[in-house]
């Protein structure tokens, strides 16, 4: 069975936009979230807030260690 998915990440947010609002909207609209974990990202308060927001909305969150970022 083939399926399609849309990929979005915060690099698509334009300067002058409300980052928190943009990220919240995308998290709310997501069926699931793939979080690419790096040593820096896991310590970021922003990332922690985003993950807590997604958890509070009962989103499926998949954590994937990454060496690419």
Protein backbone atom coordinates (compact mmCIF):
# COMPACT_ATOMS: atom_id res chain seq x y z
CA UNK A 1 0.00 0.00 0.00
CA UNK A 2 1.42 3.35 -1.02
CA UNK A 3 0.67 6.54 0.80
CA UNK A 4 1.69 10.15 0.44
CA UNK A 5 2.64 12.67 3.02
CA UNK A 6 3.40 16.36 3.07
CA UNK A 7 6.63 17.49 4.64
CA UNK A 8 6.91 20.79 6.44
CA UNK A 9 9.64 22.23 8.62
CA UNK A 10 10.24 25.64 10.10
CA UNK A 11 12.65 26.70 7.39
CA UNK A 12 9.54 27.65 5.41
CA UNK A 13 8.56 30.43 7.82
CA UNK A 14 9.20 33.85 6.31
CA UNK A 15 10.86 36.66 8.21
CA UNK A 16 8.35 38.93 9.88
CA UNK A 17 5.94 36.03 10.46
CA UNK A 18 4.77 35.00 13.91
CA UNK A 19 6.92 31.88 14.37
CA UNK A 20 4.93 30.53 17.32
CA UNK A 21 1.64 30.88 15.46
CA UNK A 22 3.00 29.34 12.25
CA UNK A 23 4.47 26.35 14.07
CA UNK A 24 1.33 25.87 16.20
CA UNK A 25 -0.89 25.89 13.10
CA UNK A 26 1.25 23.27 11.36
CA UNK A 27 1.39 21.09 14.46
CA UNK A 28 -2.39 21.29 14.84
CA UNK A 29 -2.90 20.29 11.21
CA UNK A 30 -0.39 17.42 11.33
CA UNK A 31 -1.56 13.83 11.55
CA UNK A 32 1.79 12.89 13.03
CA UNK A 33 5.12 14.54 13.76
CA UNK A 34 8.57 13.23 12.93
CA UNK A 35 11.03 14.98 15.18
CA UNK A 36 14.63 14.78 14.00
CA UNK A 37 16.59 14.81 17.26
CA UNK A 38 20.03 16.37 17.43
CA UNK A 39 22.19 17.17 20.46
CA UNK A 40 21.32 20.87 20.06
CA UNK A 41 17.63 20.50 19.29
CA UNK A 42 16.83 18.34 22.30
CA UNK A 43 18.19 21.09 24.59
CA UNK A 44 16.26 23.92 22.93
CA UNK A 45 13.47 25.44 25.03
CA UNK A 46 11.61 26.26 21.80
CA UNK A 47 11.71 22.63 20.71
CA UNK A 48 10.61 21.47 24.15
CA UNK A 49 7.66 23.88 23.98
CA UNK A 50 6.70 22.59 20.52
CA UNK A 51 6.85 18.96 21.64
CA UNK A 52 4.81 19.71 24.77
CA UNK A 53 2.25 21.55 22.64
CA UNK A 54 1.98 18.57 20.28
CA UNK A 55 1.68 16.13 23.19
CA UNK A 56 -1.08 18.26 24.74
CA UNK A 57 -2.96 17.96 21.43
CA UNK A 58 -2.50 14.17 21.46
CA UNK A 59 -0.42 14.14 18.29
CA UNK A 60 1.55 11.05 17.33
CA UNK A 61 5.22 11.97 17.74
CA UNK A 62 8.04 9.90 16.32
CA UNK A 63 11.56 10.68 17.51
CA UNK A 64 14.41 9.99 15.12
CA UNK A 65 18.06 10.58 16.07
CA UNK A 66 19.74 12.56 13.33
CA UNK A 67 23.31 13.36 12.47
CA UNK A 68 22.38 15.40 9.42
CA UNK A 69 21.45 18.68 11.09
